[in-house]
PDB file of N, CA and C in Angstrom:
ATOM      1  N   MET A   1     134.030 128.792 153.030  1.00  0.00           N
ATOM      2  CA  MET A   1     133.021 129.828 153.089  1.00  0.00           C
ATOM      3  C   MET A   1     133.627 131.085 153.705  1.00  0.00           C
ATOM      4  N   PHE A   2     133.381 132.220 153.085  1.00  0.00           N
ATOM      5  CA  PHE A   2     133.966 133.481 153.532  1.00  0.00           C
ATOM      6  C   PHE A   2     133.210 133.987 154.762  1.00  0.00           C
ATOM      7  N   PRO A   3     133.926 134.274 155.858  1.00  0.00           N
ATOM      8  CA  PRO A   3     133.238 134.738 157.074  1.00  0.00           C
ATOM      9  C   PRO A   3     132.845 136.211 156.998  1.00  0.00           C
ATOM     10  N   THR A   4     131.651 136.509 157.458  1.00  0.00           N
ATOM     11  CA  THR A   4     131.186 137.886 157.602  1.00  0.00           C
ATOM     12  C   THR A   4     131.244 138.232 159.081  1.00  0.00           C
ATOM     13  N   LEU A   5     131.790 139.395 159.397  1.00  0.00           N
ATOM     14  CA  LEU A   5     131.911 139.853 160.779  1.00  0.00           C
ATOM     15  C   LEU A   5     131.099 141.134 160.947  1.00  0.00           C
ATOM     16  N   GLU A   6     130.538 141.311 162.130  1.00  0.00           N
ATOM     17  CA  GLU A   6     129.761 142.525 162.404  1.00  0.00           C
ATOM     18  C   GLU A   6     130.178 143.134 163.731  1.00  0.00           C
ATOM     19  N   THR A   7     130.201 144.461 163.741  1.00  0.00           N
ATOM     20  CA  THR A   7     130.365 145.208 164.977  1.00  0.00           C
ATOM     21  C   THR A   7     129.074 146.000 165.175  1.00  0.00           C
ATOM     22  N   GLU A   8     129.057 146.839 166.154  1.00  0.00           N
ATOM     23  CA  GLU A   8     127.872 147.666 166.397  1.00  0.00           C
ATOM     24  C   GLU A   8     127.549 148.556 165.203  1.00  0.00           C
ATOM     25  N   ARG A   9     128.585 149.068 164.515  1.00  0.00           N
ATOM     26  CA  ARG A   9     128.377 150.015 163.415  1.00  0.00           C
ATOM     27  C   ARG A   9     128.795 149.519 162.036  1.00  0.00           C
ATOM     28  N   LEU A  10     129.575 148.423 161.974  1.00  0.00           N
ATOM     29  CA  LEU A  10     130.170 148.014 160.710  1.00  0.00           C
ATOM     30  C   LEU A  10     129.862 146.567 160.350  1.00  0.00           C
ATOM     31  N   ILE A  11     129.946 146.281 159.057  1.00  0.00           N
ATOM     32  CA  ILE A  11     129.909 144.920 158.539  1.00  0.00           C
ATOM     33  C   ILE A  11     131.216 144.716 157.772  1.00  0.00           C
ATOM     34  N   LEU A  12     131.906 143.649 158.095  1.00  0.00           N
ATOM     35  CA  LEU A  12     133.097 143.249 157.358  1.00  0.00           C
ATOM     36  C   LEU A  12     132.682 142.049 156.525  1.00  0.00           C
ATOM     37  N   ARG A  13     132.758 142.196 155.197  1.00  0.00           N
ATOM     38  CA  ARG A  13     132.201 141.180 154.300  1.00  0.00           C
ATOM     39  C   ARG A  13     133.107 140.937 153.114  1.00  0.00           C
ATOM     40  N   GLU A  14     132.797 139.885 152.385  1.00  0.00           N
ATOM     41  CA  GLU A  14     133.565 139.530 151.202  1.00  0.00           C
ATOM     42  C   GLU A  14     133.493 140.653 150.158  1.00  0.00           C
ATOM     43  N   ILE A  15     134.593 140.881 149.492  1.00  0.00           N
ATOM     44  CA  ILE A  15     134.675 141.888 148.439  1.00  0.00           C
ATOM     45  C   ILE A  15     134.339 141.220 147.109  1.00  0.00           C
ATOM     46  N   THR A  16     133.454 141.851 146.339  1.00  0.00           N
ATOM     47  CA  THR A  16     133.029 141.303 145.052  1.00  0.00           C
ATOM     48  C   THR A  16     133.277 142.335 143.951  1.00  0.00           C
ATOM     49  N   TYR A  17     133.031 141.916 142.703  1.00  0.00           N
ATOM     50  CA  TYR A  17     133.188 142.850 141.576  1.00  0.00           C
ATOM     51  C   TYR A  17     132.258 144.059 141.705  1.00  0.00           C
ATOM     52  N   ASP A  18     131.122 143.904 142.405  1.00  0.00           N
ATOM     53  CA  ASP A  18     130.233 145.048 142.627  1.00  0.00           C
ATOM     54  C   ASP A  18     130.908 146.143 143.445  1.00  0.00           C
ATOM     55  N   ASP A  19     132.001 145.809 144.113  1.00  0.00           N
ATOM     56  CA  ASP A  19     132.728 146.767 144.948  1.00  0.00           C
ATOM     57  C   ASP A  19     133.876 147.456 144.218  1.00  0.00           C
ATOM     58  N   ALA A  20     134.019 147.184 142.921  1.00  0.00           N
ATOM     59  CA  ALA A  20     135.159 147.737 142.181  1.00  0.00           C
ATOM     60  C   ALA A  20     135.230 149.259 142.281  1.00  0.00           C
ATOM     61  N   GLU A  21     134.088 149.933 142.219  1.00  0.00           N
ATOM     62  CA  GLU A  21     134.111 151.400 142.316  1.00  0.00           C
ATOM     63  C   GLU A  21     134.584 151.858 143.690  1.00  0.00           C
ATOM     64  N   GLY A  22     134.147 151.180 144.749  1.00  0.00           N
ATOM     65  CA  GLY A  22     134.593 151.516 146.097  1.00  0.00           C
ATOM     66  C   GLY A  22     136.073 151.244 146.296  1.00  0.00           C
ATOM     67  N   ILE A  23     136.546 150.131 145.735  1.00  0.00           N
ATOM     68  CA  ILE A  23     137.973 149.812 145.793  1.00  0.00           C
ATOM     69  C   ILE A  23     138.762 150.888 145.047  1.00  0.00           C
ATOM     70  N   PHE A  24     138.260 151.257 143.868  1.00  0.00           N
ATOM     71  CA  PHE A  24     138.937 152.292 143.088  1.00  0.00           C
ATOM     72  C   PHE A  24     138.964 153.620 143.842  1.00  0.00           C
ATOM     73  N   ALA A  25     137.851 153.986 144.470  1.00  0.00           N
ATOM     74  CA  ALA A  25     137.796 155.253 145.218  1.00  0.00           C
ATOM     75  C   ALA A  25     138.862 155.293 146.311  1.00  0.00           C
ATOM     76  N   CYS A  26     139.068 154.178 146.987  1.00  0.00           N
ATOM     77  CA  CYS A  26     140.081 154.135 148.046  1.00  0.00           C
ATOM     78  C   CYS A  26     141.494 154.123 147.475  1.00  0.00           C
ATOM     79  N   PHE A  27     141.746 153.167 146.596  1.00  0.00           N
ATOM     80  CA  PHE A  27     143.113 152.921 146.148  1.00  0.00           C
ATOM     81  C   PHE A  27     143.583 153.849 145.025  1.00  0.00           C
ATOM     82  N   SER A  28     142.738 154.748 144.571  1.00  0.00           N
ATOM     83  CA  SER A  28     143.186 155.770 143.630  1.00  0.00           C
ATOM     84  C   SER A  28     143.469 157.085 144.357  1.00  0.00           C
ATOM     85  N   ASN A  29     143.214 157.111 145.640  1.00  0.00           N
ATOM     86  CA  ASN A  29     143.412 158.295 146.462  1.00  0.00           C
ATOM     87  C   ASN A  29     144.837 158.292 147.024  1.00  0.00           C
ATOM     88  N   ASP A  30     145.622 159.285 146.656  1.00  0.00           N
ATOM     89  CA  ASP A  30     147.022 159.338 147.086  1.00  0.00           C
ATOM     90  C   ASP A  30     147.174 159.411 148.601  1.00  0.00           C
ATOM     91  N   ILE A  31     146.210 159.965 149.292  1.00  0.00           N
ATOM     92  CA  ILE A  31     146.266 160.017 150.758  1.00  0.00           C
ATOM     93  C   ILE A  31     146.167 158.606 151.328  1.00  0.00           C
ATOM     94  N   VAL A  32     145.308 157.784 150.737  1.00  0.00           N
ATOM     95  CA  VAL A  32     145.118 156.407 151.198  1.00  0.00           C
ATOM     96  C   VAL A  32     146.343 155.555 150.884  1.00  0.00           C
ATOM     97  N   THR A  33     146.904 155.703 149.698  1.00  0.00           N
ATOM     98  CA  THR A  33     147.994 154.817 149.262  1.00  0.00           C
ATOM     99  C   THR A  33     149.382 155.312 149.666  1.00  0.00           C
ATOM    100  N   ARG A  34     149.443 156.432 150.320  1.00  0.00           N
ATOM    101  CA  ARG A  34     150.726 157.037 150.662  1.00  0.00           C
ATOM    102  C   ARG A  34     151.678 156.063 151.348  1.00  0.00           C
ATOM    103  N   PHE A  35     151.176 155.257 152.289  1.00  0.00           N
ATOM    104  CA  PHE A  35     152.013 154.314 153.024  1.00  0.00           C
ATOM    105  C   PHE A  35     151.673 152.868 152.685  1.00  0.00           C
ATOM    106  N   TYR A  36     150.991 152.657 151.581  1.00  0.00           N
ATOM    107  CA  TYR A  36     150.518 151.319 151.223  1.00  0.00           C
ATOM    108  C   TYR A  36     151.593 150.483 150.529  1.00  0.00           C
ATOM    109  N   GLY A  37     152.599 151.114 149.967  1.00  0.00           N
ATOM    110  CA  GLY A  37     153.669 150.371 149.330  1.00  0.00           C
ATOM    111  C   GLY A  37     153.447 150.092 147.859  1.00  0.00           C
ATOM    112  N   GLN A  38     152.553 150.837 147.240  1.00  0.00           N
ATOM    113  CA  GLN A  38     152.340 150.714 145.803  1.00  0.00           C
ATOM    114  C   GLN A  38     151.728 151.998 145.280  1.00  0.00           C
ATOM    115  N   ASP A  39     151.743 152.148 143.957  1.00  0.00           N
ATOM    116  CA  ASP A  39     151.186 153.339 143.333  1.00  0.00           C
ATOM    117  C   ASP A  39     149.667 153.335 143.419  1.00  0.00           C
ATOM    118  N   SER A  40     149.086 154.517 143.363  1.00  0.00           N
ATOM    119  CA  SER A  40     147.624 154.636 143.335  1.00  0.00           C
ATOM    120  C   SER A  40     147.077 154.051 142.043  1.00  0.00           C
ATOM    121  N   LEU A  41     145.876 153.490 142.131  1.00  0.00           N
ATOM    122  CA  LEU A  41     145.234 152.931 140.947  1.00  0.00           C
ATOM    123  C   LEU A  41     144.869 154.047 139.977  1.00  0.00           C
ATOM    124  N   GLU A  42     144.885 153.710 138.695  1.00  0.00           N
ATOM    125  CA  GLU A  42     144.531 154.678 137.660  1.00  0.00           C
ATOM    126  C   GLU A  42     143.304 154.270 136.867  1.00  0.00           C
ATOM    127  N   THR A  43     142.900 152.996 136.948  1.00  0.00           N
ATOM    128  CA  THR A  43     141.745 152.528 136.178  1.00  0.00           C
ATOM    129  C   THR A  43     140.864 151.620 137.019  1.00  0.00           C
ATOM    130  N   ILE A  44     139.607 151.531 136.637  1.00  0.00           N
ATOM    131  CA  ILE A  44     138.663 150.638 137.312  1.00  0.00           C
ATOM    132  C   ILE A  44     139.058 149.175 137.091  1.00  0.00           C
ATOM    133  N   ASP A  45     139.698 148.878 135.964  1.00  0.00           N
ATOM    134  CA  ASP A  45     140.165 147.508 135.720  1.00  0.00           C
ATOM    135  C   ASP A  45     141.216 147.092 136.746  1.00  0.00           C
ATOM    136  N   GLN A  46     142.043 148.020 137.170  1.00  0.00           N
ATOM    137  CA  GLN A  46     143.016 147.712 138.222  1.00  0.00           C
ATOM    138  C   GLN A  46     142.292 147.372 139.521  1.00  0.00           C
ATOM    139  N   ALA A  47     141.192 148.057 139.795  1.00  0.00           N
ATOM    140  CA  ALA A  47     140.395 147.764 140.995  1.00  0.00           C
ATOM    141  C   ALA A  47     139.804 146.363 140.901  1.00  0.00           C
ATOM    142  N   ARG A  48     139.322 145.980 139.718  1.00  0.00           N
ATOM    143  CA  ARG A  48     138.814 144.622 139.528  1.00  0.00           C
ATOM    144  C   ARG A  48     139.932 143.596 139.753  1.00  0.00           C
ATOM    145  N   GLY A  49     141.141 143.962 139.364  1.00  0.00           N
ATOM    146  CA  GLY A  49     142.292 143.094 139.622  1.00  0.00           C
ATOM    147  C   GLY A  49     142.533 142.902 141.107  1.00  0.00           C
ATOM    148  N   PHE A  50     142.304 143.946 141.903  1.00  0.00           N
ATOM    149  CA  PHE A  50     142.410 143.818 143.358  1.00  0.00           C
ATOM    150  C   PHE A  50     141.377 142.823 143.881  1.00  0.00           C
ATOM    151  N   VAL A  51     140.148 142.896 143.358  1.00  0.00           N
ATOM    152  CA  VAL A  51     139.109 141.957 143.774  1.00  0.00           C
ATOM    153  C   VAL A  51     139.583 140.526 143.514  1.00  0.00           C
ATOM    154  N   ASP A  52     140.136 140.290 142.328  1.00  0.00           N
ATOM    155  CA  ASP A  52     140.668 138.962 141.999  1.00  0.00           C
ATOM    156  C   ASP A  52     141.805 138.567 142.938  1.00  0.00           C
ATOM    157  N   PHE A  53     142.700 139.507 143.200  1.00  0.00           N
ATOM    158  CA  PHE A  53     143.840 139.240 144.081  1.00  0.00           C
ATOM    159  C   PHE A  53     143.382 138.859 145.489  1.00  0.00           C
ATOM    160  N   PHE A  54     142.433 139.615 146.028  1.00  0.00           N
ATOM    161  CA  PHE A  54     141.926 139.317 147.371  1.00  0.00           C
ATOM    162  C   PHE A  54     141.268 137.935 147.405  1.00  0.00           C
ATOM    163  N   ALA A  55     140.484 137.605 146.378  1.00  0.00           N
ATOM    164  CA  ALA A  55     139.809 136.304 146.317  1.00  0.00           C
ATOM    165  C   ALA A  55     140.829 135.167 146.200  1.00  0.00           C
ATOM    166  N   LYS A  56     141.851 135.356 145.385  1.00  0.00           N
ATOM    167  CA  LYS A  56     142.871 134.320 145.199  1.00  0.00           C
ATOM    168  C   LYS A  56     143.639 134.082 146.496  1.00  0.00           C
ATOM    169  N   ASN A  57     143.992 135.147 147.198  1.00  0.00           N
ATOM    170  CA  ASN A  57     144.682 134.997 148.480  1.00  0.00           C
ATOM    171  C   ASN A  57     143.856 134.181 149.466  1.00  0.00           C
ATOM    172  N   PHE A  58     142.546 134.424 149.494  1.00  0.00           N
ATOM    173  CA  PHE A  58     141.678 133.674 150.388  1.00  0.00           C
ATOM    174  C   PHE A  58     141.598 132.211 149.961  1.00  0.00           C
ATOM    175  N   GLU A  59     141.409 131.964 148.682  1.00  0.00           N
ATOM    176  CA  GLU A  59     141.327 130.590 148.168  1.00  0.00           C
ATOM    177  C   GLU A  59     142.597 129.798 148.459  1.00  0.00           C
ATOM    178  N   GLU A  60     143.736 130.464 148.333  1.00  0.00           N
ATOM    179  CA  GLU A  60     145.022 129.799 148.549  1.00  0.00           C
ATOM    180  C   GLU A  60     145.457 129.832 150.013  1.00  0.00           C
ATOM    181  N   LYS A  61     144.593 130.337 150.885  1.00  0.00           N
ATOM    182  CA  LYS A  61     144.865 130.428 152.322  1.00  0.00           C
ATOM    183  C   LYS A  61     146.149 131.209 152.638  1.00  0.00           C
ATOM    184  N   LYS A  62     146.365 132.266 151.849  1.00  0.00           N
ATOM    185  CA  LYS A  62     147.506 133.153 152.073  1.00  0.00           C
ATOM    186  C   LYS A  62     147.108 134.414 152.821  1.00  0.00           C
ATOM    187  N   GLY A  63     145.813 134.668 152.912  1.00  0.00           N
ATOM    188  CA  GLY A  63     145.332 135.870 153.578  1.00  0.00           C
ATOM    189  C   GLY A  63     143.839 135.994 153.425  1.00  0.00           C
ATOM    190  N   ILE A  64     143.306 137.038 154.016  1.00  0.00           N
ATOM    191  CA  ILE A  64     141.878 137.323 153.910  1.00  0.00           C
ATOM    192  C   ILE A  64     141.704 138.838 153.949  1.00  0.00           C
ATOM    193  N   ARG A  65     140.823 139.339 153.104  1.00  0.00           N
ATOM    194  CA  ARG A  65     140.573 140.791 153.045  1.00  0.00           C
ATOM    195  C   ARG A  65     139.070 141.008 153.053  1.00  0.00           C
ATOM    196  N   TRP A  66     138.598 141.751 154.039  1.00  0.00           N
ATOM    197  CA  TRP A  66     137.184 142.091 154.148  1.00  0.00           C
ATOM    198  C   TRP A  66     136.943 143.492 153.595  1.00  0.00           C
ATOM    199  N   GLY A  67     135.794 143.698 153.020  1.00  0.00           N
ATOM    200  CA  GLY A  67     135.330 145.032 152.705  1.00  0.00           C
ATOM    201  C   GLY A  67     134.671 145.606 153.945  1.00  0.00           C
ATOM    202  N   ILE A  68     134.936 146.863 154.242  1.00  0.00           N
ATOM    203  CA  ILE A  68     134.340 147.527 155.404  1.00  0.00           C
ATOM    204  C   ILE A  68     133.162 148.359 154.909  1.00  0.00           C
ATOM    205  N   GLU A  69     132.005 148.094 155.492  1.00  0.00           N
ATOM    206  CA  GLU A  69     130.778 148.796 155.102  1.00  0.00           C
ATOM    207  C   GLU A  69     130.048 149.250 156.367  1.00  0.00           C
ATOM    208  N   ARG A  70     129.520 150.456 156.341  1.00  0.00           N
ATOM    209  CA  ARG A  70     128.696 150.928 157.462  1.00  0.00           C
ATOM    210  C   ARG A  70     127.352 150.220 157.423  1.00  0.00           C
ATOM    211  N   LYS A  71     126.862 149.836 158.581  1.00  0.00           N
ATOM    212  CA  LYS A  71     125.540 149.210 158.635  1.00  0.00           C
ATOM    213  C   LYS A  71     124.495 150.188 158.126  1.00  0.00           C
ATOM    214  N   GLY A  72     123.612 149.695 157.292  1.00  0.00           N
ATOM    215  CA  GLY A  72     122.539 150.524 156.761  1.00  0.00           C
ATOM    216  C   GLY A  72     122.934 151.365 155.560  1.00  0.00           C
ATOM    217  N   GLU A  73     124.202 151.304 155.147  1.00  0.00           N
ATOM    218  CA  GLU A  73     124.675 152.071 153.996  1.00  0.00           C
ATOM    219  C   GLU A  73     125.419 151.130 153.064  1.00  0.00           C
ATOM    220  N   ARG A  74     125.013 151.076 151.817  1.00  0.00           N
ATOM    221  CA  ARG A  74     125.674 150.211 150.837  1.00  0.00           C
ATOM    222  C   ARG A  74     126.918 150.904 150.294  1.00  0.00           C
ATOM    223  N   GLY A  75     128.005 150.164 150.166  1.00  0.00           N
ATOM    224  CA  GLY A  75     129.240 150.694 149.609  1.00  0.00           C
ATOM    225  C   GLY A  75     130.389 150.627 150.590  1.00  0.00           C
ATOM    226  N   LEU A  76     131.554 150.317 150.061  1.00  0.00           N
ATOM    227  CA  LEU A  76     132.732 150.176 150.909  1.00  0.00           C
ATOM    228  C   LEU A  76     133.296 151.524 151.326  1.00  0.00           C
ATOM    229  N   ILE A  77     133.773 151.568 152.560  1.00  0.00           N
ATOM    230  CA  ILE A  77     134.512 152.736 153.042  1.00  0.00           C
ATOM    231  C   ILE A  77     135.995 152.403 153.176  1.00  0.00           C
ATOM    232  N   GLY A  78     136.327 151.126 152.978  1.00  0.00           N
ATOM    233  CA  GLY A  78     137.711 150.684 153.064  1.00  0.00           C
ATOM    234  C   GLY A  78     137.782 149.172 153.095  1.00  0.00           C
ATOM    235  N   THR A  79     138.978 148.658 153.373  1.00  0.00           N
ATOM    236  CA  THR A  79     139.168 147.220 153.529  1.00  0.00           C
ATOM    237  C   THR A  79     140.086 146.965 154.718  1.00  0.00           C
ATOM    238  N   ILE A  80     140.056 145.730 155.201  1.00  0.00           N
ATOM    239  CA  ILE A  80     140.910 145.318 156.314  1.00  0.00           C
ATOM    240  C   ILE A  80     141.191 143.838 156.155  1.00  0.00           C
ATOM    241  N   GLY A  81     142.368 143.419 156.577  1.00  0.00           N
ATOM    242  CA  GLY A  81     142.619 141.995 156.471  1.00  0.00           C
ATOM    243  C   GLY A  81     144.000 141.568 156.902  1.00  0.00           C
ATOM    244  N   LEU A  82     144.236 140.276 156.694  1.00  0.00           N
ATOM    245  CA  LEU A  82     145.502 139.638 157.006  1.00  0.00           C
ATOM    246  C   LEU A  82     146.189 139.271 155.708  1.00  0.00           C
ATOM    247  N   ASN A  83     147.466 139.577 155.616  1.00  0.00           N
ATOM    248  CA  ASN A  83     148.280 139.263 154.449  1.00  0.00           C
ATOM    249  C   ASN A  83     149.464 138.416 154.898  1.00  0.00           C
ATOM    250  N   ALA A  84     150.094 137.743 153.946  1.00  0.00           N
ATOM    251  CA  ALA A  84     151.279 136.932 154.228  1.00  0.00           C
ATOM    252  C   ALA A  84     151.038 136.005 155.413  1.00  0.00           C
ATOM    253  N   TRP A  85     149.875 135.379 155.418  1.00  0.00           N
ATOM    254  CA  TRP A  85     149.484 134.504 156.525  1.00  0.00           C
ATOM    255  C   TRP A  85     150.295 133.218 156.477  1.00  0.00           C
ATOM    256  N   SER A  86     150.867 132.846 157.590  1.00  0.00           N
ATOM    257  CA  SER A  86     151.644 131.620 157.710  1.00  0.00           C
ATOM    258  C   SER A  86     151.139 130.852 158.924  1.00  0.00           C
ATOM    259  N   PRO A  87     150.166 129.939 158.736  1.00  0.00           N
ATOM    260  CA  PRO A  87     149.648 129.174 159.876  1.00  0.00           C
ATOM    261  C   PRO A  87     150.740 128.379 160.592  1.00  0.00           C
ATOM    262  N   LYS A  88     151.677 127.834 159.827  1.00  0.00           N
ATOM    263  CA  LYS A  88     152.758 127.044 160.420  1.00  0.00           C
ATOM    264  C   LYS A  88     153.553 127.854 161.435  1.00  0.00           C
ATOM    265  N   HIS A  89     153.826 129.128 161.094  1.00  0.00           N
ATOM    266  CA  HIS A  89     154.606 130.000 161.974  1.00  0.00           C
ATOM    267  C   HIS A  89     153.731 130.920 162.830  1.00  0.00           C
ATOM    268  N   LYS A  90     152.411 130.759 162.691  1.00  0.00           N
ATOM    269  CA  LYS A  90     151.443 131.528 163.490  1.00  0.00           C
ATOM    270  C   LYS A  90     151.691 133.035 163.395  1.00  0.00           C
ATOM    271  N   ARG A  91     151.783 133.509 162.120  1.00  0.00           N
ATOM    272  CA  ARG A  91     151.973 134.946 161.945  1.00  0.00           C
ATOM    273  C   ARG A  91     151.269 135.420 160.679  1.00  0.00           C
ATOM    274  N   ALA A  92     151.008 136.707 160.642  1.00  0.00           N
ATOM    275  CA  ALA A  92     150.410 137.364 159.483  1.00  0.00           C
ATOM    276  C   ALA A  92     150.630 138.860 159.628  1.00  0.00           C
ATOM    277  N   GLU A  93     150.508 139.568 158.519  1.00  0.00           N
ATOM    278  CA  GLU A  93     150.538 141.024 158.540  1.00  0.00           C
ATOM    279  C   GLU A  93     149.101 141.524 158.548  1.00  0.00           C
ATOM    280  N   ILE A  94     148.843 142.537 159.341  1.00  0.00           N
ATOM    281  CA  ILE A  94     147.516 143.141 159.400  1.00  0.00           C
ATOM    282  C   ILE A  94     147.577 144.467 158.650  1.00  0.00           C
ATOM    283  N   GLY A  95     146.593 144.694 157.803  1.00  0.00           N
ATOM    284  CA  GLY A  95     146.565 145.945 157.065  1.00  0.00           C
ATOM    285  C   GLY A  95     145.132 146.432 156.873  1.00  0.00           C
ATOM    286  N   TYR A  96     144.996 147.730 156.736  1.00  0.00           N
ATOM    287  CA  TYR A  96     143.676 148.315 156.477  1.00  0.00           C
ATOM    288  C   TYR A  96     143.858 149.648 155.788  1.00  0.00           C
ATOM    289  N   GLU A  97     142.810 150.109 155.192  1.00  0.00           N
ATOM    290  CA  GLU A  97     142.746 151.482 154.689  1.00  0.00           C
ATOM    291  C   GLU A  97     141.283 151.909 154.733  1.00  0.00           C
ATOM    292  N   ILE A  98     141.093 153.191 155.002  1.00  0.00           N
ATOM    293  CA  ILE A  98     139.761 153.770 155.075  1.00  0.00           C
ATOM    294  C   ILE A  98     139.796 155.045 154.226  1.00  0.00           C
ATOM    295  N   HIS A  99     138.790 155.208 153.394  1.00  0.00           N
ATOM    296  CA  HIS A  99     138.722 156.421 152.579  1.00  0.00           C
ATOM    297  C   HIS A  99     138.588 157.635 153.508  1.00  0.00           C
ATOM    298  N   PRO A 100     139.331 158.695 153.249  1.00  0.00           N
ATOM    299  CA  PRO A 100     139.309 159.848 154.170  1.00  0.00           C
ATOM    300  C   PRO A 100     137.959 160.536 154.300  1.00  0.00           C
ATOM    301  N   ASN A 101     137.077 160.385 153.338  1.00  0.00           N
ATOM    302  CA  ASN A 101     135.765 161.014 153.475  1.00  0.00           C
ATOM    303  C   ASN A 101     134.892 160.266 154.446  1.00  0.00           C
TER     304      ASN A 101
END
């Protein structure tokens, strides 16, 4: 089961296909992807591919990626998560991005 986390102002929740536009808005922005290690997205289908990638990583216990949403406002402002998770070695990479607006 995918964990949902809450802070005073934010909800960190599972990313779904309904979030493809929000994912595209973030990852098609050159300011956001400048240090991300890959090219900016060019199509909404690529954003849907990210949704699949994030879900597969979670299913395979390789990482977890939450969508960041402001409480009371629908729509992602970014994502945050753990990548390259290795429970055996007790390590993971932490990454996030937030849309500049």
